[in-house]
Protein backbone atom coordinates (compact mmCIF):
# COMPACT_ATOMS: atom_id res chain seq x y z
CA MET A 1 9.20 1.05 14.10
CA SER A 2 6.63 -2.51 14.72
CA VAL A 3 7.05 -6.12 12.07
CA PHE A 4 4.41 -6.32 8.78
CA ILE A 5 1.83 -3.87 9.03
CA ASP A 6 2.14 0.11 10.69
CA ARG A 7 1.13 3.43 9.53
CA ASN A 8 1.31 3.56 6.45
CA THR A 9 -0.75 0.12 5.94
CA ARG A 10 -3.00 -0.51 3.50
CA LEU A 11 -5.99 -2.72 3.27
CA LEU A 12 -8.30 -4.75 1.23
CA VAL A 13 -10.85 -6.82 2.89
CA GLN A 14 -11.57 -10.27 1.07
CA GLY A 15 -15.28 -10.77 2.54
CA ILE A 16 -15.84 -8.09 2.99
CA THR A 17 -19.75 -8.47 2.80
CA GLY A 18 -19.57 -11.86 4.92
CA ARG A 19 -20.30 -12.13 8.74
CA ASP A 20 -16.81 -12.73 9.86
CA GLY A 21 -15.72 -9.96 6.75
CA SER A 22 -17.79 -7.13 7.42
CA PHE A 23 -18.20 -7.48 12.24
CA HIS A 24 -14.28 -7.07 11.97
CA THR A 25 -13.12 -4.99 9.13
CA ARG A 26 -15.58 -2.54 11.46
CA GLN A 27 -13.12 -3.68 14.51
CA MET A 28 -10.09 -2.91 12.21
CA MET A 29 -11.64 0.33 11.38
CA ALA A 30 -12.67 1.31 14.49
CA TYR A 31 -9.52 0.96 16.00
CA GLY A 32 -7.81 3.18 13.34
CA THR A 33 -6.35 0.86 9.94
CA ASN A 34 -6.86 2.29 7.09
CA VAL A 35 -9.29 -0.32 5.18
CA VAL A 36 -8.97 1.06 1.49
CA ALA A 37 -11.10 -1.44 0.26
CA GLY A 38 -13.23 -4.52 0.09
CA VAL A 39 -13.27 -7.64 -2.24
CA THR A 40 -16.88 -9.68 -2.74
CA PRO A 41 -17.68 -10.94 -6.58
CA GLY A 42 -21.49 -10.49 -7.71
CA LYS A 43 -21.17 -7.22 -5.38
CA GLY A 44 -18.75 -5.55 -7.08
CA GLY A 45 -19.94 -1.56 -7.12
CA GLN A 46 -21.45 -1.20 -3.68
CA THR A 47 -19.66 0.59 -0.65
CA PHE A 48 -18.98 -0.90 3.09
CA GLU A 49 -20.33 1.44 6.11
CA GLY A 50 -21.49 3.90 3.11
CA ALA A 51 -17.14 5.34 2.34
CA THR A 52 -14.79 2.07 1.31
CA PRO A 53 -15.51 1.00 -2.36
CA ILE A 54 -15.95 -2.67 -3.15
CA TYR A 55 -14.73 -4.91 -6.37
CA HIS A 56 -15.39 -7.63 -8.36
CA THR A 57 -12.11 -8.83 -8.28
CA VAL A 58 -8.54 -8.15 -6.25
CA ALA A 59 -7.77 -6.80 -9.22
CA ASP A 60 -9.93 -3.95 -9.97
CA ALA A 61 -9.52 -3.27 -5.90
CA VAL A 62 -5.68 -2.29 -6.40
CA ARG A 63 -5.94 -1.18 -10.07
CA ASP A 64 -8.08 1.71 -7.39
CA THR A 65 -7.46 1.88 -4.88
CA HIS A 66 -3.80 0.33 -3.95
CA PRO A 67 -3.48 -1.54 -1.17
CA ASN A 68 -0.46 -3.12 0.28
CA THR A 69 -1.78 -6.28 2.43
CA ALA A 70 -4.79 -8.16 2.16
CA VAL A 71 -7.30 -9.66 4.45
CA ILE A 72 -9.23 -12.53 3.64
CA TYR A 73 -12.11 -13.40 5.28
CA VAL A 74 -13.61 -16.13 3.20
CA PRO A 75 -15.03 -20.46 2.90
CA ALA A 76 -12.93 -22.54 3.20
CA ALA A 77 -13.28 -24.12 -0.07
CA ALA A 78 -12.07 -21.20 -1.91
CA ALA A 79 -9.38 -19.70 0.80
CA ALA A 80 -6.56 -20.66 -1.63
CA ALA A 81 -7.83 -19.10 -4.62
CA ALA A 82 -8.68 -16.21 -3.09
CA ILE A 83 -4.95 -16.44 -2.33
CA PHE A 84 -3.80 -17.29 -5.32
CA GLU A 85 -6.05 -13.99 -6.52
CA ALA A 86 -4.73 -11.15 -3.22
CA ALA A 87 -0.36 -13.09 -4.50
CA ASP A 88 -1.95 -12.62 -8.28
CA ALA A 89 -2.46 -9.28 -8.30
CA GLY A 90 0.71 -7.84 -6.63
CA ILE A 91 -0.17 -7.44 -2.73
CA GLY A 92 3.20 -8.53 -0.66
CA LEU A 93 1.54 -9.16 2.72
CA ILE A 94 -1.22 -11.22 2.87
CA VAL A 95 -3.17 -12.61 6.27
CA CYS A 96 -5.62 -15.59 5.73
CA ILE A 97 -8.06 -16.04 9.03
CA THR A 98 -9.87 -19.38 7.32
CA GLU A 99 -9.50 -22.13 9.38
CA GLY A 100 -10.40 -25.64 7.64
CA ILE A 101 -8.41 -25.21 4.55
CA PRO A 102 -7.40 -28.49 3.24
CA VAL A 103 -3.58 -29.30 3.47
CA LEU A 104 -3.47 -30.19 -0.32
CA ASP A 105 -4.17 -26.30 -1.07
CA MET A 106 -1.21 -25.42 1.15
CA THR A 107 1.10 -27.45 -0.24
CA ARG A 108 0.52 -25.13 -3.66
CA VAL A 109 -0.28 -21.79 -2.57
CA ILE A 110 3.38 -21.46 -0.24
CA PRO A 111 5.18 -22.43 -2.94
CA PHE A 112 3.06 -20.12 -5.79
CA LEU A 113 3.50 -17.39 -2.93
CA ASN A 114 7.10 -17.56 -2.69
CA GLU A 115 7.88 -17.20 -6.84
CA ARG A 116 6.22 -13.91 -6.59
CA GLY A 117 7.90 -12.42 -3.30
CA ALA A 118 4.89 -12.29 -1.12
CA ARG A 119 4.37 -13.25 2.48
CA LEU A 120 1.35 -15.25 3.86
CA ILE A 121 0.35 -15.35 7.83
CA GLY A 122 -1.62 -18.03 8.76
CA PRO A 123 -4.26 -19.62 7.51
CA ASN A 124 -5.73 -20.88 10.44
CA CYS A 125 -4.52 -17.66 12.36
CA PRO A 126 -6.10 -14.37 14.38
CA GLY A 127 -3.85 -12.14 12.29
CA LEU A 128 -1.65 -9.18 13.64
CA ILE A 129 -1.57 -5.87 15.52
CA ALA A 130 1.12 -3.20 15.64
CA PRO A 131 -0.58 -1.53 18.78
CA GLY A 132 -1.21 1.83 18.54
CA LYS A 133 -0.82 1.92 14.40
CA SER A 134 -2.55 -1.02 13.18
CA LYS A 135 -4.45 -4.01 13.76
CA VAL A 136 -5.10 -6.89 10.87
CA GLY A 137 -6.93 -9.77 11.75
CA ILE A 138 -9.27 -10.29 14.74
CA ILE A 139 -6.56 -9.31 18.21
CA PRO A 140 -9.21 -7.64 19.82
CA GLY A 141 -7.53 -4.16 20.54
CA ASN A 142 -9.15 -3.05 23.74
CA ILE A 143 -5.87 -5.64 25.66
CA CYS A 144 -3.28 -4.60 23.93
CA LYS A 145 -1.03 -1.28 24.29
CA PRO A 146 1.74 -0.45 22.77
CA GLY A 147 5.74 -1.19 24.08
CA ARG A 148 8.46 -2.61 23.58
CA ILE A 149 7.39 -6.70 23.45
CA GLY A 150 7.42 -8.74 20.64
CA VAL A 151 4.98 -11.37 20.66
CA VAL A 152 4.90 -14.29 17.91
CA SER A 153 2.50 -17.43 18.51
CA ARG A 154 0.65 -21.11 16.99
CA SER A 155 -2.37 -19.85 19.32
CA GLY A 156 -4.89 -18.15 19.03
CA THR A 157 -6.96 -17.73 22.30
CA LEU A 158 -3.91 -18.14 24.21
CA THR A 159 -2.65 -14.97 22.11
CA TYR A 160 -4.93 -12.48 24.30
CA GLU A 161 -4.25 -14.33 27.28
CA ILE A 162 -0.30 -13.58 27.35
CA ILE A 163 -1.62 -10.36 25.63
CA HIS A 164 -3.32 -9.38 28.52
CA GLN A 165 -0.95 -10.45 31.04
CA LEU A 166 1.28 -8.14 29.23
CA SER A 167 -0.71 -5.55 29.45
CA THR A 168 -1.86 -5.35 32.65
CA HIS A 169 1.45 -5.15 34.24
CA GLY A 170 2.41 -2.37 32.22
CA TYR A 171 4.14 -4.20 29.24
CA GLY A 172 3.45 -2.66 26.07
CA GLN A 173 3.86 -4.76 22.64
CA SER A 174 5.55 -3.54 19.40
CA SER A 175 3.50 -6.19 17.54
CA CYS A 176 2.03 -9.55 18.05
CA VAL A 177 1.65 -12.19 15.56
CA GLY A 178 -0.34 -15.32 15.58
CA ILE A 179 1.08 -17.31 12.93
CA GLY A 180 -1.07 -20.07 13.11
CA GLY A 181 -1.27 -23.67 14.16
CA ASP A 182 -1.87 -25.54 11.13
CA PRO A 183 0.40 -28.15 9.63
CA LEU A 184 1.85 -25.76 6.76
CA ILE A 185 1.23 -21.81 6.96
CA GLY A 186 3.45 -19.48 5.84
CA THR A 187 5.33 -17.68 8.57
CA SER A 188 7.35 -19.52 10.63
CA PHE A 189 8.73 -18.55 14.31
CA ILE A 190 11.63 -18.26 12.76
CA ASP A 191 10.65 -15.66 10.13
CA CYS A 192 8.93 -13.47 13.40
CA LEU A 193 12.12 -13.27 15.58
CA ALA A 194 14.05 -12.27 12.60
CA ALA A 195 11.38 -9.49 12.36
CA PHE A 196 11.99 -8.86 16.08
CA GLU A 197 15.69 -8.75 16.11
CA ALA A 198 15.39 -6.04 13.66
CA ASP A 199 13.37 -4.14 14.70
CA SER A 200 14.79 -1.18 16.56
CA GLU A 201 11.87 -1.01 19.29
CA THR A 202 11.86 -4.47 19.83
CA GLN A 203 13.15 -5.23 23.39
CA ALA A 204 12.40 -8.94 23.71
CA VAL A 205 9.63 -11.65 22.34
CA VAL A 206 7.63 -13.47 23.87
CA MET A 207 6.80 -16.97 21.70
CA ILE A 208 4.28 -19.37 22.54
CA GLY A 209 3.76 -22.70 20.66
CA GLU A 210 2.28 -25.76 21.50
CA ILE A 211 1.92 -29.42 20.80
CA GLY A 212 2.79 -31.64 17.70
CA GLY A 213 5.02 -30.83 15.12
CA THR A 214 8.80 -29.49 15.41
CA ASP A 215 8.65 -25.98 14.62
CA GLU A 216 9.28 -24.86 18.18
CA GLN A 217 12.80 -27.08 18.32
CA ARG A 218 13.53 -25.23 15.06
CA ALA A 219 13.39 -21.63 16.32
CA GLY A 220 14.77 -22.99 19.29
CA GLU A 221 17.97 -23.78 17.69
CA PHE A 222 17.77 -20.48 16.15
CA VAL A 223 17.98 -18.37 18.89
CA PRO A 224 21.17 -19.06 20.36
CA HIS A 225 22.79 -18.11 17.34
CA ALA A 226 20.57 -15.49 15.61
CA MET A 227 18.90 -13.65 18.05
CA THR A 228 20.45 -10.68 21.11
CA LYS A 229 17.26 -9.96 22.53
CA PRO A 230 15.61 -11.98 25.51
CA VAL A 231 12.90 -14.57 24.44
CA ILE A 232 9.96 -16.31 26.62
CA GLY A 233 8.75 -18.71 25.63
CA PHE A 234 5.28 -21.04 26.70
CA ILE A 235 4.36 -24.62 25.46
CA ALA A 236 -0.12 -24.96 25.22
CA GLY A 237 -1.03 -28.60 25.86
CA GLN A 238 1.52 -29.95 28.09
CA THR A 239 -0.83 -32.83 29.28
CA ALA A 240 -2.46 -33.25 25.81
CA PRO A 241 -2.48 -37.31 25.24
CA PRO A 242 -0.86 -38.41 22.58
CA GLY A 243 -2.32 -39.43 19.24
CA ARG A 244 -5.61 -36.73 19.76
CA ARG A 245 -6.13 -33.56 17.06
CA MET A 246 -6.03 -30.85 20.67
CA GLY A 247 -7.46 -27.72 18.62
CA HIS A 248 -5.33 -27.38 15.57
CA ALA A 249 -4.64 -29.07 13.30
CA GLY A 250 -0.50 -29.48 13.98
CA ALA A 251 -1.07 -29.86 17.35
CA ILE A 252 -1.23 -34.14 17.25
CA ILE A 253 1.39 -35.64 19.17
CA SER A 254 2.68 -37.86 16.63
CA GLY A 255 6.14 -38.64 18.97
CA SER A 256 8.37 -37.55 21.39
CA SER A 257 9.40 -34.73 19.11
CA GLY A 258 6.78 -33.59 19.59
CA THR A 259 6.03 -33.75 22.74
CA ALA A 260 5.38 -30.42 25.26
CA VAL A 261 7.86 -31.94 27.67
CA GLU A 262 10.53 -32.01 24.36
CA LYS A 263 10.23 -28.27 23.10
CA MET A 264 10.25 -27.21 26.38
CA ALA A 265 13.82 -29.50 27.10
CA ALA A 266 14.30 -27.07 23.15
CA PHE A 267 13.81 -24.09 24.25
CA GLN A 268 15.16 -24.63 27.58
CA ARG A 269 18.01 -25.11 25.96
CA ALA A 270 18.77 -22.35 23.75
CA GLY A 271 18.65 -20.22 26.76
CA ILE A 272 14.97 -19.22 26.76
CA SER A 273 13.35 -18.63 29.97
CA VAL A 274 10.61 -21.17 30.50
CA MET A 275 7.15 -20.53 31.03
CA LYS A 276 4.84 -23.09 32.45
CA ARG A 277 1.84 -20.73 32.88
CA PRO A 278 1.36 -17.72 31.25
CA ALA A 279 0.62 -15.67 34.23
CA ASP A 280 4.28 -16.40 34.75
CA VAL A 281 5.51 -14.37 31.70
CA VAL A 282 5.45 -10.54 33.73
CA ALA A 283 7.84 -12.69 36.02
CA LEU A 284 10.42 -14.10 33.52
CA LEU A 285 10.60 -10.53 31.71
CA ALA A 286 11.17 -8.69 35.15
CA GLU A 287 14.55 -11.29 35.44
CA ARG A 288 15.23 -10.66 32.07
CA LEU A 289 14.78 -6.79 31.46
């Protein structure tokens, strides 16, 4: 098994003809993801790579090709509207790669999705991958290896480093999920931890957090009561100065609860093994498995 996506994923790409959308659609198709349609307003009736149909609207694409997942590669100004359109058409899983979406837009997006029972991963995220089965987003497939370690992360490139460490040392992944680092996101650490706990093919979970906010502390409170599988944790930004944005919009230390020290302490209180550096993941997994 895997979480959120698998071999049955039927993917719709919003923004399929743009620079990023077209590049990553080719990558997803090469990995084996079943891309059933694309959407670019004004380009309906065309095809992508000579085979995948392109539609003016998501509703038209859903009517004809029946996708169950959408991935969004559109500019920030139009991204919220793209999410609304996908959810309104009945797509259950929406992955938004776009960064720079205004927080005010996301305050309208989240309740809209909740009302329709749709799950959003992101925004400002690398997406997710079920190694050997499907990938939705921009995580490089060549660094992943099928296995039994679940990965969930707020960071983008740090996710790739952890995956590379795991794969290089023989620890394949069941699924890898980048949840995004913006202040308002659709899927939390807790959502992913619960999914990995329920997944019979996941043996342990690696959780990658970062400074800013209290999501990691809430995840730490969840782990002792709801997780039977070992969890390994890392906090990015251990040397970041307070008050300065570090990469993600949410990665700003605005109080003691947002610091790396507090988050690492919360992990330790929860029985989560804490990495000081990404390379530590291998040794810590060996201790817990």
